N, C-alpha and C. Protein backbone atom coordinates (compact mmCIF):
# COMPACT_ATOMS: atom_id res chain seq x y z
N MET A 1 -26.31 15.39 10.51
CA MET A 1 -25.96 13.73 9.43
C MET A 1 -24.89 14.51 9.54
N GLU A 2 -23.71 12.91 9.94
CA GLU A 2 -22.53 13.04 9.71
C GLU A 2 -21.96 12.74 8.75
N HIS A 3 -20.49 14.06 8.54
CA HIS A 3 -20.04 13.93 7.17
C HIS A 3 -18.84 14.27 7.21
N LYS A 4 -17.60 14.73 6.44
CA LYS A 4 -16.18 14.62 6.46
C LYS A 4 -16.42 16.60 6.02
N HIS A 5 -15.50 17.09 7.20
CA HIS A 5 -15.78 18.47 7.32
C HIS A 5 -14.16 19.12 6.90
N ILE A 6 -13.88 19.77 6.24
CA ILE A 6 -12.31 20.42 5.74
C ILE A 6 -12.31 21.76 5.95
N ILE A 7 -11.41 21.60 6.98
CA ILE A 7 -10.94 23.08 7.67
C ILE A 7 -9.53 23.38 7.24
N SER A 8 -9.46 25.11 7.00
CA SER A 8 -8.11 25.27 6.66
C SER A 8 -7.75 26.47 8.07
N VAL A 9 -6.82 26.58 8.56
CA VAL A 9 -6.26 27.04 9.52
C VAL A 9 -5.15 27.58 9.58
N LEU A 10 -5.25 28.81 9.50
CA LEU A 10 -3.56 29.42 9.71
C LEU A 10 -2.95 30.07 10.73
N VAL A 11 -2.29 29.90 11.55
CA VAL A 11 -1.36 29.82 12.21
C VAL A 11 -0.47 30.65 12.73
N LEU A 12 0.16 30.96 13.84
CA LEU A 12 0.98 31.32 13.44
C LEU A 12 2.68 30.11 13.48
N HIS A 13 3.28 30.84 13.34
CA HIS A 13 4.64 29.62 12.82
C HIS A 13 5.58 28.89 13.95
N LYS A 14 4.89 28.74 15.23
CA LYS A 14 5.92 28.73 15.76
C LYS A 14 6.10 27.71 17.25
N PRO A 15 7.27 27.18 17.58
CA PRO A 15 6.52 25.88 18.58
C PRO A 15 5.27 25.52 19.53
N GLY A 16 5.11 24.79 19.23
CA GLY A 16 3.96 24.48 20.29
C GLY A 16 2.27 24.20 20.13
N VAL A 17 2.51 25.32 18.58
CA VAL A 17 1.18 25.45 17.86
C VAL A 17 0.43 24.12 17.46
N LEU A 18 1.31 23.04 17.07
CA LEU A 18 0.62 22.03 16.36
C LEU A 18 0.01 21.55 17.89
N GLN A 19 0.66 21.19 19.02
CA GLN A 19 0.64 20.33 20.16
C GLN A 19 -1.03 20.86 20.59
N ARG A 20 -0.56 22.54 20.95
CA ARG A 20 -2.22 23.16 21.00
C ARG A 20 -3.61 22.55 20.52
N ILE A 21 -3.38 23.03 19.18
CA ILE A 21 -4.30 22.43 18.12
C ILE A 21 -4.83 21.67 18.39
N SER A 22 -4.05 20.21 18.80
CA SER A 22 -4.40 18.82 18.90
C SER A 22 -5.12 17.98 20.12
N GLY A 23 -4.38 19.41 20.85
CA GLY A 23 -5.03 18.86 22.57
C GLY A 23 -6.21 19.47 22.50
N LEU A 24 -6.78 20.73 21.69
CA LEU A 24 -8.22 21.15 21.66
C LEU A 24 -9.12 20.41 20.98
N PHE A 25 -8.63 19.39 19.91
CA PHE A 25 -9.50 18.41 19.38
C PHE A 25 -9.44 16.92 20.39
N THR A 26 -8.53 16.69 20.98
CA THR A 26 -8.47 15.83 22.16
C THR A 26 -9.45 16.01 23.10
N ARG A 27 -9.37 17.51 23.76
CA ARG A 27 -10.36 17.70 24.99
C ARG A 27 -11.55 17.51 24.62
N ARG A 28 -12.01 17.78 23.41
CA ARG A 28 -13.00 17.92 23.02
C ARG A 28 -14.07 16.63 22.51
N TRP A 29 -12.84 15.48 22.25
CA TRP A 29 -13.23 14.31 21.63
C TRP A 29 -13.94 14.51 20.39
N PHE A 30 -13.27 15.54 19.49
CA PHE A 30 -13.32 15.43 18.22
C PHE A 30 -12.02 14.98 17.39
N ASN A 31 -12.29 13.90 16.86
CA ASN A 31 -11.61 12.85 15.62
C ASN A 31 -11.23 13.08 14.21
N ILE A 32 -9.93 13.48 14.43
CA ILE A 32 -9.08 13.97 13.12
C ILE A 32 -8.88 12.72 12.31
N SER A 33 -9.20 13.01 11.34
CA SER A 33 -9.41 12.21 10.06
C SER A 33 -7.95 12.00 9.07
N SER A 34 -7.62 13.51 8.99
CA SER A 34 -6.56 14.02 8.85
C SER A 34 -5.98 14.95 8.87
N MET A 35 -4.23 15.41 8.91
CA MET A 35 -4.05 16.76 9.31
C MET A 35 -2.78 16.86 8.42
N THR A 36 -2.58 18.20 7.81
CA THR A 36 -1.57 18.28 7.34
C THR A 36 -1.01 19.83 7.64
N VAL A 37 0.32 20.31 7.84
CA VAL A 37 0.98 21.59 8.39
C VAL A 37 1.84 21.59 7.13
N GLY A 38 2.04 23.05 6.72
CA GLY A 38 2.87 23.34 5.71
C GLY A 38 2.93 24.90 5.88
N SER A 39 4.26 25.36 5.15
CA SER A 39 4.45 26.99 5.11
C SER A 39 3.36 27.15 4.13
N THR A 40 3.33 28.78 4.40
CA THR A 40 2.59 29.42 3.39
C THR A 40 3.32 30.70 2.48
N GLU A 41 2.51 31.85 2.01
CA GLU A 41 3.85 32.85 1.45
C GLU A 41 4.05 33.62 2.49
N ASN A 42 3.43 33.40 3.57
CA ASN A 42 4.08 34.29 4.78
C ASN A 42 5.10 33.46 5.83
N PRO A 43 6.63 33.45 6.04
CA PRO A 43 7.05 32.60 6.70
C PRO A 43 6.71 32.48 8.43
N ASP A 44 5.50 33.58 8.61
CA ASP A 44 5.67 33.96 10.28
C ASP A 44 4.16 33.07 9.85
N VAL A 45 3.59 33.09 9.01
CA VAL A 45 1.80 31.72 9.07
C VAL A 45 2.19 30.41 8.79
N ALA A 46 1.80 29.57 9.37
CA ALA A 46 1.94 28.13 8.56
C ALA A 46 0.58 27.65 8.20
N ARG A 47 -0.11 26.53 7.38
CA ARG A 47 -1.67 26.19 7.02
C ARG A 47 -1.41 25.07 7.23
N MET A 48 -2.43 24.82 7.89
CA MET A 48 -3.18 23.55 8.70
C MET A 48 -4.16 23.16 7.90
N THR A 49 -4.14 22.20 7.81
CA THR A 49 -6.01 21.53 6.89
C THR A 49 -5.91 20.15 7.42
N ILE A 50 -7.21 20.55 8.08
CA ILE A 50 -8.26 19.38 9.07
C ILE A 50 -9.04 18.95 8.39
N VAL A 51 -8.92 17.49 8.82
CA VAL A 51 -10.33 17.40 8.18
C VAL A 51 -11.26 15.97 9.46
N VAL A 52 -12.33 16.31 9.66
CA VAL A 52 -12.86 16.19 10.92
C VAL A 52 -14.34 15.44 10.81
N GLN A 53 -14.47 14.27 11.15
CA GLN A 53 -15.94 13.60 11.13
C GLN A 53 -16.77 14.16 11.91
N GLY A 54 -17.86 14.22 11.32
CA GLY A 54 -19.21 14.71 12.70
C GLY A 54 -19.67 15.87 11.64
N ASP A 55 -21.17 16.11 12.34
CA ASP A 55 -22.05 16.62 12.05
C ASP A 55 -21.80 18.14 11.78
N ASP A 56 -22.84 19.09 11.73
CA ASP A 56 -22.56 20.77 11.64
C ASP A 56 -22.26 21.20 13.22
N THR A 57 -23.07 20.39 14.10
CA THR A 57 -22.49 21.20 15.30
C THR A 57 -21.09 21.04 15.56
N VAL A 58 -20.66 19.37 14.90
CA VAL A 58 -19.17 19.23 15.49
C VAL A 58 -18.45 20.27 14.47
N LEU A 59 -18.67 20.59 13.52
CA LEU A 59 -17.69 22.07 12.70
C LEU A 59 -18.31 23.09 13.39
N GLU A 60 -19.13 23.14 13.88
CA GLU A 60 -19.42 24.85 14.70
C GLU A 60 -18.53 24.87 16.00
N GLN A 61 -18.80 23.72 16.34
CA GLN A 61 -17.67 23.73 18.16
C GLN A 61 -16.36 23.87 17.12
N VAL A 62 -15.88 23.07 16.27
CA VAL A 62 -14.27 23.00 16.12
C VAL A 62 -14.21 24.84 15.82
N VAL A 63 -14.68 24.93 14.59
CA VAL A 63 -14.16 26.44 14.88
C VAL A 63 -14.30 27.25 15.82
N LYS A 64 -15.35 27.64 16.40
CA LYS A 64 -15.57 28.31 17.90
C LYS A 64 -14.27 28.24 18.52
N GLN A 65 -13.90 26.94 18.98
CA GLN A 65 -12.65 26.33 19.35
C GLN A 65 -11.47 26.95 19.07
N LEU A 66 -11.15 26.20 17.99
CA LEU A 66 -10.06 26.81 17.38
C LEU A 66 -9.74 29.01 16.92
N ASN A 67 -11.16 29.45 17.15
CA ASN A 67 -11.08 30.94 16.71
C ASN A 67 -10.47 31.65 18.00
N LYS A 68 -10.60 30.79 19.40
CA LYS A 68 -10.06 31.05 20.43
C LYS A 68 -8.75 30.99 20.84
N LEU A 69 -8.07 30.20 20.06
CA LEU A 69 -6.67 30.15 20.15
C LEU A 69 -6.15 31.49 19.83
N VAL A 70 -5.08 31.82 20.74
CA VAL A 70 -4.25 33.31 20.00
C VAL A 70 -3.60 32.71 19.10
N GLU A 71 -2.82 31.99 18.72
CA GLU A 71 -1.84 31.13 17.82
C GLU A 71 -2.71 31.52 16.40
N VAL A 72 -4.13 31.48 16.05
CA VAL A 72 -4.85 30.74 15.33
C VAL A 72 -4.84 32.67 14.31
N VAL A 73 -5.01 32.63 13.16
CA VAL A 73 -4.78 33.92 12.25
C VAL A 73 -6.05 33.72 11.70
N LYS A 74 -6.69 32.65 11.56
CA LYS A 74 -7.93 32.69 10.67
C LYS A 74 -8.13 30.82 10.55
N VAL A 75 -9.71 30.89 10.03
CA VAL A 75 -9.93 29.51 10.26
C VAL A 75 -11.54 29.85 8.84
N THR A 76 -11.45 28.51 7.95
CA THR A 76 -12.08 28.74 6.58
C THR A 76 -12.83 27.48 6.92
N ASP A 77 -14.27 27.24 6.77
CA ASP A 77 -14.47 25.79 6.38
C ASP A 77 -14.44 25.83 4.88
N LEU A 78 -13.94 24.65 4.25
CA LEU A 78 -13.28 24.22 2.98
C LEU A 78 -14.02 22.75 2.60
N ASN A 79 -15.36 23.34 1.97
CA ASN A 79 -16.38 22.02 1.47
C ASN A 79 -15.90 22.06 0.26
N SER A 80 -16.30 20.44 -0.78
CA SER A 80 -15.68 20.30 -1.64
C SER A 80 -15.94 21.33 -2.86
N LYS A 81 -17.15 21.68 -2.72
CA LYS A 81 -17.45 22.83 -3.78
C LYS A 81 -17.24 24.13 -4.06
N LYS A 82 -16.32 24.79 -2.93
CA LYS A 82 -15.36 25.96 -3.02
C LYS A 82 -14.16 25.62 -2.39
N SER A 83 -13.69 24.65 -3.20
CA SER A 83 -12.02 24.48 -2.50
C SER A 83 -11.75 23.56 -4.09
N VAL A 84 -10.31 23.46 -4.15
CA VAL A 84 -9.76 22.68 -4.68
C VAL A 84 -8.79 21.52 -3.26
N GLN A 85 -8.30 20.05 -3.94
CA GLN A 85 -8.27 19.29 -2.86
C GLN A 85 -7.20 18.20 -3.36
N ARG A 86 -5.98 17.92 -3.09
CA ARG A 86 -5.58 16.86 -2.95
C ARG A 86 -4.83 16.18 -2.44
N GLU A 87 -4.47 14.70 -2.43
CA GLU A 87 -3.34 13.77 -1.51
C GLU A 87 -2.74 13.25 -2.29
N LEU A 88 -1.32 13.37 -1.75
CA LEU A 88 -0.29 12.52 -2.14
C LEU A 88 0.07 11.13 -1.60
N CYS A 89 -0.04 10.16 -2.59
CA CYS A 89 -0.16 8.88 -1.45
C CYS A 89 1.32 8.20 -2.56
N LEU A 90 2.25 7.60 -1.68
CA LEU A 90 3.31 6.38 -2.44
C LEU A 90 3.33 5.02 -1.86
N VAL A 91 2.89 4.36 -3.03
CA VAL A 91 2.34 2.88 -2.85
C VAL A 91 3.75 2.06 -3.30
N LYS A 92 4.10 1.05 -2.70
CA LYS A 92 5.22 0.20 -3.14
C LYS A 92 3.83 -1.30 -2.93
N VAL A 93 4.78 -1.60 -4.62
CA VAL A 93 3.45 -2.35 -4.88
C VAL A 93 4.78 -3.68 -5.19
N TYR A 94 4.03 -4.92 -4.94
CA TYR A 94 4.39 -6.17 -5.01
C TYR A 94 4.76 -6.31 -6.78
N ALA A 95 5.54 -6.89 -7.42
CA ALA A 95 6.00 -6.68 -9.01
C ALA A 95 7.07 -7.50 -8.97
N PRO A 96 7.11 -9.01 -8.85
CA PRO A 96 8.31 -9.48 -9.06
C PRO A 96 8.56 -10.04 -10.66
N THR A 97 8.06 -10.31 -11.40
CA THR A 97 7.91 -10.81 -12.83
C THR A 97 8.09 -8.91 -13.67
N GLU A 98 8.70 -9.48 -14.88
CA GLU A 98 8.23 -8.51 -15.87
C GLU A 98 6.87 -8.11 -16.17
N ASP A 99 6.17 -8.94 -16.77
CA ASP A 99 4.78 -9.12 -16.40
C ASP A 99 3.50 -7.66 -15.62
N SER A 100 4.16 -8.29 -14.14
CA SER A 100 3.96 -7.59 -13.78
C SER A 100 4.24 -6.10 -12.80
N LYS A 101 5.50 -6.00 -13.41
CA LYS A 101 6.68 -4.63 -13.39
C LYS A 101 5.35 -3.91 -14.91
N SER A 102 5.07 -4.75 -15.78
CA SER A 102 4.51 -3.88 -16.67
C SER A 102 2.78 -3.43 -16.66
N GLN A 103 2.66 -4.48 -15.77
CA GLN A 103 0.80 -3.98 -15.21
C GLN A 103 0.71 -2.97 -14.42
N VAL A 104 1.70 -2.64 -13.61
CA VAL A 104 1.77 -1.92 -12.32
C VAL A 104 2.07 -0.30 -13.39
N ILE A 105 3.30 -0.34 -14.12
CA ILE A 105 2.98 0.71 -14.87
C ILE A 105 2.32 1.31 -15.93
N GLN A 106 0.99 0.16 -16.21
CA GLN A 106 0.31 0.69 -17.28
C GLN A 106 -0.85 1.36 -15.73
N TYR A 107 -1.40 0.76 -15.29
CA TYR A 107 -1.97 1.25 -14.15
C TYR A 107 -1.73 3.13 -13.62
N ALA A 108 -0.24 3.13 -13.26
CA ALA A 108 0.08 4.25 -12.74
C ALA A 108 0.21 5.14 -14.29
N ASN A 109 -0.04 4.75 -15.28
CA ASN A 109 0.20 5.54 -16.69
C ASN A 109 -1.44 6.41 -16.42
N ILE A 110 -2.20 5.45 -16.47
CA ILE A 110 -3.63 5.33 -16.27
C ILE A 110 -4.45 6.30 -15.24
N PHE A 111 -3.28 6.52 -14.27
CA PHE A 111 -4.43 7.40 -13.18
C PHE A 111 -2.97 8.88 -13.24
N ARG A 112 -2.04 9.43 -14.17
CA ARG A 112 -0.98 9.67 -14.34
C ARG A 112 0.12 9.68 -13.22
N GLY A 113 0.03 8.82 -12.28
CA GLY A 113 0.99 8.50 -11.65
C GLY A 113 2.55 8.33 -12.36
N LYS A 114 3.24 8.61 -10.96
CA LYS A 114 4.82 8.48 -11.45
C LYS A 114 5.32 7.35 -11.12
N ILE A 115 6.49 6.27 -11.62
CA ILE A 115 7.38 5.22 -10.81
C ILE A 115 8.63 5.93 -10.27
N ILE A 116 8.22 6.05 -9.37
CA ILE A 116 9.77 6.45 -8.40
C ILE A 116 10.86 5.66 -7.73
N ASP A 117 10.67 4.35 -8.07
CA ASP A 117 11.39 3.58 -7.36
C ASP A 117 10.86 2.42 -7.44
N LEU A 118 11.97 1.45 -7.76
CA LEU A 118 12.28 0.14 -8.79
C LEU A 118 12.88 -0.70 -8.16
N SER A 119 13.01 -1.50 -7.59
CA SER A 119 13.34 -2.91 -7.01
C SER A 119 13.29 -4.16 -8.37
N THR A 120 13.73 -5.16 -7.58
CA THR A 120 13.51 -6.87 -8.43
C THR A 120 12.20 -7.25 -7.97
N GLU A 121 11.52 -6.51 -6.72
CA GLU A 121 10.29 -7.26 -6.25
C GLU A 121 9.32 -6.08 -6.31
N THR A 122 9.62 -5.17 -6.04
CA THR A 122 8.36 -4.25 -6.16
C THR A 122 8.86 -2.75 -6.88
N LEU A 123 8.02 -1.90 -7.28
CA LEU A 123 8.01 -0.61 -7.30
C LEU A 123 7.10 0.22 -6.94
N THR A 124 7.90 1.65 -6.69
CA THR A 124 6.92 2.47 -5.79
C THR A 124 6.31 3.28 -6.64
N VAL A 125 4.91 3.99 -6.77
CA VAL A 125 4.83 4.46 -6.95
C VAL A 125 3.44 6.17 -6.72
N GLU A 126 3.88 6.90 -7.40
CA GLU A 126 3.77 8.39 -6.68
C GLU A 126 2.18 8.98 -7.55
N ILE A 127 1.09 8.76 -6.37
CA ILE A 127 0.01 9.41 -7.23
C ILE A 127 -0.85 10.24 -6.33
N THR A 128 -0.89 11.55 -7.21
CA THR A 128 -1.55 12.42 -6.72
C THR A 128 -2.89 13.05 -7.56
N GLY A 129 -4.43 13.22 -6.24
CA GLY A 129 -5.19 13.16 -6.33
C GLY A 129 -6.23 14.24 -5.30
N ASP A 130 -7.45 13.31 -5.87
CA ASP A 130 -8.19 13.98 -4.93
C ASP A 130 -8.62 12.13 -3.98
N GLU A 131 -8.97 12.11 -2.74
CA GLU A 131 -9.13 10.82 -2.09
C GLU A 131 -9.91 9.77 -2.90
N GLN A 132 -10.78 9.87 -3.70
CA GLN A 132 -11.37 9.03 -4.38
C GLN A 132 -10.17 8.77 -5.44
N LYS A 133 -9.42 9.46 -5.98
CA LYS A 133 -8.71 8.75 -7.22
C LYS A 133 -7.79 7.94 -6.62
N VAL A 134 -7.23 8.68 -5.27
CA VAL A 134 -6.08 7.81 -4.61
C VAL A 134 -6.88 6.50 -4.05
N ASN A 135 -7.63 6.28 -3.57
CA ASN A 135 -8.57 5.34 -3.28
C ASN A 135 -8.89 4.04 -4.46
N ALA A 136 -8.92 4.42 -5.63
CA ALA A 136 -9.27 3.98 -6.88
C ALA A 136 -8.13 3.25 -7.44
N PHE A 137 -6.61 3.76 -7.10
CA PHE A 137 -5.89 3.18 -7.46
C PHE A 137 -5.76 2.51 -6.52
N LEU A 138 -5.55 2.46 -5.27
CA LEU A 138 -4.92 1.54 -4.16
C LEU A 138 -6.09 0.34 -4.57
N ASP A 139 -7.07 0.21 -4.86
CA ASP A 139 -7.70 -0.98 -4.85
C ASP A 139 -7.49 -1.31 -6.30
N LEU A 140 -6.81 -0.96 -7.10
CA LEU A 140 -6.57 -1.34 -8.20
C LEU A 140 -5.47 -2.41 -8.11
N VAL A 141 -4.45 -1.94 -7.78
CA VAL A 141 -3.19 -2.34 -7.23
C VAL A 141 -3.54 -3.57 -6.22
N ARG A 142 -4.22 -3.64 -5.45
CA ARG A 142 -3.79 -4.38 -3.83
C ARG A 142 -4.34 -6.18 -4.66
N PRO A 143 -5.04 -6.24 -5.44
CA PRO A 143 -5.06 -7.61 -6.16
C PRO A 143 -3.10 -8.00 -6.07
N MET A 144 -2.16 -7.21 -6.56
CA MET A 144 -1.08 -7.56 -7.06
C MET A 144 -0.26 -7.90 -5.76
N GLY A 145 -0.78 -6.97 -4.56
CA GLY A 145 -0.25 -6.96 -3.15
C GLY A 145 0.52 -5.65 -2.86
N ILE A 146 0.03 -4.88 -1.89
CA ILE A 146 0.81 -3.94 -1.57
C ILE A 146 1.64 -4.13 -0.58
N LYS A 147 2.88 -3.63 -0.57
CA LYS A 147 3.95 -3.55 0.42
C LYS A 147 3.70 -2.66 1.73
N GLU A 148 3.79 -1.25 1.12
CA GLU A 148 3.75 -0.77 1.78
C GLU A 148 3.28 0.66 1.17
N ILE A 149 2.28 1.67 1.91
CA ILE A 149 1.81 2.91 1.84
C ILE A 149 1.67 4.05 2.74
N ALA A 150 1.90 5.30 1.85
CA ALA A 150 2.70 6.43 2.61
C ALA A 150 1.65 7.04 2.14
N ARG A 151 0.71 8.09 2.84
CA ARG A 151 -0.65 8.99 2.12
C ARG A 151 0.08 10.14 3.08
N THR A 152 -0.10 11.28 2.37
CA THR A 152 -0.22 12.67 3.20
C THR A 152 -1.33 13.32 4.08
N GLY A 153 -2.64 13.14 3.36
CA GLY A 153 -3.53 13.56 4.02
C GLY A 153 -3.62 14.25 3.11
N LEU A 154 -4.95 15.27 3.22
CA LEU A 154 -5.74 15.84 2.34
C LEU A 154 -5.01 17.24 2.72
N THR A 155 -4.41 17.79 1.68
CA THR A 155 -4.66 19.81 1.61
C THR A 155 -5.67 20.44 0.62
N ALA A 156 -6.14 21.50 1.01
CA ALA A 156 -6.59 22.03 0.34
C ALA A 156 -6.43 23.74 0.70
N LEU A 157 -6.92 24.32 -0.82
CA LEU A 157 -7.33 25.72 -0.69
C LEU A 157 -8.66 26.48 -1.39
N MET A 158 -8.97 27.27 -1.35
CA MET A 158 -10.43 28.02 -1.94
C MET A 158 -10.49 28.30 -2.93
N ARG A 159 -11.20 27.85 -3.83
CA ARG A 159 -11.32 28.36 -5.08
C ARG A 159 -11.08 29.72 -5.26
N GLY A 160 -10.98 30.10 -6.86
CA GLY A 160 -10.52 31.80 -7.13
C GLY A 160 -9.85 32.63 -6.89
N SER A 161 -9.99 33.22 -6.58
CA SER A 161 -8.90 34.80 -5.93
C SER A 161 -9.54 34.80 -4.80
């Protein structure tokens, strides 16, 4: 059965690593739904959070192939029960009237979002949460008119110590 797999990959923080990892996915015809890369507590290591769609065989293949790369320090399968996951979304919503601006602000407050920019025609809202929360906010403001969306993709860590 096909579903979303979240993989945390610790890699050496050096040029060319992202290209090698994405090349591995391309060669194997694995589709990356989301990928985030960032620094860790160790300046020599970066964390990649990769979301891939597929069955359990796809997950096994991805993990095996990643572990073969010299630049890979550690690969962890993060399912939703044993990890915390977040995504950041910036959304620019049409709000040309005072009433529409008030409505967007009210929606942002309900979702614990922040208004980060305001113009005569639009409001830009920052929403942070899991994918369902971000999608729910977007569904709510879509009828008002969305001018632009920028999503970071999923980032995740194991729960506990």
